[in-house]
Protein backbone atom coordinates (compact mmCIF):
# COMPACT_ATOMS: atom_id res chain seq x y z
CA UNK A 1 -0.48 -0.11 0.52
CA UNK A 2 1.32 3.95 -1.23
CA UNK A 3 0.58 5.60 1.16
CA UNK A 4 0.98 9.75 0.88
CA UNK A 5 2.57 11.65 2.92
CA UNK A 6 1.82 15.03 4.09
CA UNK A 7 2.57 17.95 2.08
CA UNK A 8 5.34 18.90 4.96
CA UNK A 9 6.98 15.61 4.22
CA UNK A 10 7.16 16.59 0.88
CA UNK A 11 8.96 20.45 1.31
CA UNK A 12 5.94 21.47 0.41
CA UNK A 13 4.43 24.78 2.50
CA UNK A 14 0.73 24.47 3.46
CA UNK A 15 -0.05 27.83 3.55
CA UNK A 16 1.68 28.67 0.16
CA UNK A 17 0.07 25.36 -1.33
CA UNK A 18 -3.43 26.72 -0.02
CA UNK A 19 -3.25 29.87 -1.22
CA UNK A 20 -1.80 28.34 -5.31
CA UNK A 21 -5.22 25.88 -5.24
CA UNK A 22 -7.35 28.52 -4.52
CA UNK A 23 -5.91 30.87 -7.05
CA UNK A 24 -6.35 27.59 -9.81
CA UNK A 25 -9.90 28.50 -8.14
CA UNK A 26 -10.59 31.71 -8.56
CA UNK A 27 -8.36 32.78 -11.93
CA UNK A 28 -6.23 35.33 -9.93
CA UNK A 29 -3.54 36.39 -11.94
CA UNK A 30 -1.43 36.17 -8.57
CA UNK A 31 -0.89 33.76 -5.98
CA UNK A 32 -3.59 35.86 -2.76
CA UNK A 33 -3.48 34.63 0.49
CA UNK A 34 -7.20 35.00 1.56
CA UNK A 35 -6.93 32.97 4.80
CA UNK A 36 -4.02 33.13 8.22
CA UNK A 37 -0.37 33.80 7.57
CA UNK A 38 1.74 32.12 10.05
CA UNK A 39 5.23 34.35 11.26
CA UNK A 40 7.14 31.45 11.13
CA UNK A 41 5.68 30.36 8.02
CA UNK A 42 7.21 33.50 6.18
CA UNK A 43 10.62 32.43 5.42
CA UNK A 44 9.53 29.26 3.52
CA UNK A 45 6.47 31.22 1.57
CA UNK A 46 9.57 33.72 0.37
CA UNK A 47 12.20 31.10 -0.15
CA UNK A 48 9.55 28.90 -3.06
CA UNK A 49 7.93 31.70 -4.09
CA UNK A 50 11.94 32.95 -4.72
CA UNK A 51 12.76 29.61 -5.80
CA UNK A 52 9.66 29.54 -8.07
CA UNK A 53 10.66 32.76 -10.37
CA UNK A 54 7.28 34.25 -8.55
CA UNK A 55 7.40 38.11 -7.61
CA UNK A 56 4.03 39.13 -6.79
CA UNK A 57 1.62 38.14 -4.54
CA UNK A 58 -1.76 39.32 -3.12
CA UNK A 59 -2.64 38.94 0.40
CA UNK A 60 -6.72 39.59 0.67
CA UNK A 61 -6.75 38.59 4.21
CA UNK A 62 -8.07 40.50 6.42
CA UNK A 63 -6.97 38.72 9.59
CA UNK A 64 -6.20 40.43 13.59
CA UNK A 65 -2.70 39.80 13.07
CA UNK A 66 -1.90 41.39 10.00
CA UNK A 67 0.06 44.47 10.53
CA UNK A 68 3.06 41.22 11.71
CA UNK A 69 2.16 39.33 9.84
CA UNK A 70 3.16 42.98 6.95
CA UNK A 71 6.45 43.34 8.67
CA UNK A 72 7.24 40.09 9.27
CA UNK A 73 7.43 40.16 5.19
CA UNK A 74 9.57 43.28 5.43
CA UNK A 75 12.30 41.71 7.15
CA UNK A 76 12.42 38.85 4.31
CA UNK A 77 12.91 41.62 1.54
CA UNK A 78 8.97 41.86 0.44
CA UNK A 79 7.37 45.13 0.03
CA UNK A 80 4.33 46.28 0.05
CA UNK A 81 2.86 48.18 -3.99
CA UNK A 82 -0.20 49.68 -3.10
CA UNK A 83 -3.98 47.93 -3.09
CA UNK A 84 -5.65 46.22 -6.00
CA UNK A 85 -8.38 43.93 -6.53
CA UNK A 86 -8.47 39.87 -7.01
CA UNK A 87 -11.49 37.91 -7.06
CA UNK A 88 -12.68 36.20 -3.91
CA UNK A 89 -12.90 32.02 -3.22
CA UNK A 90 -17.03 33.17 -2.91
CA UNK A 91 -19.51 34.64 -5.31
CA UNK A 92 -21.58 37.09 -4.93
CA UNK A 93 -25.08 36.53 -4.64
CA UNK A 94 -26.74 38.75 -7.02
CA UNK A 95 -24.27 37.74 -10.14
CA UNK A 96 -23.37 34.89 -9.17
CA UNK A 97 -19.39 35.79 -10.59
CA UNK A 98 -17.19 35.53 -7.85
CA UNK A 99 -16.30 38.50 -5.50
CA UNK A 100 -13.91 41.40 -5.88
CA UNK A 101 -12.65 42.36 -2.69
CA UNK A 102 -9.46 44.52 -1.87
CA UNK A 103 -6.37 43.37 -1.49
CA UNK A 104 -2.06 44.23 -0.72
CA UNK A 105 0.09 43.67 -3.77
CA UNK A 106 2.88 42.67 -2.19
CA UNK A 107 6.37 42.42 -4.59
CA UNK A 108 9.48 40.35 -4.42
């Protein structure tokens, strides 16, 4: 029996994987973090982004420790580059299309 390992067993950060998977669903051009980003995951996330040539992403999450997370990204050389809009993972009940929500553009 071939049992699959966890994402961590394969060296894949689960927070980044979830953001990537959601990007496939929403049709956003860039990876968008719409959930909590744990500070201890940030160095791993930045390393994976750099290794894969990803120079921009967004954060649409409004979790309470967002300021600390932005500061932790800044320590890793990631900068805020203004605001934008992205497709949400949920649909607007009026239009039936993906809702558009504000997000912070982040650049490496």
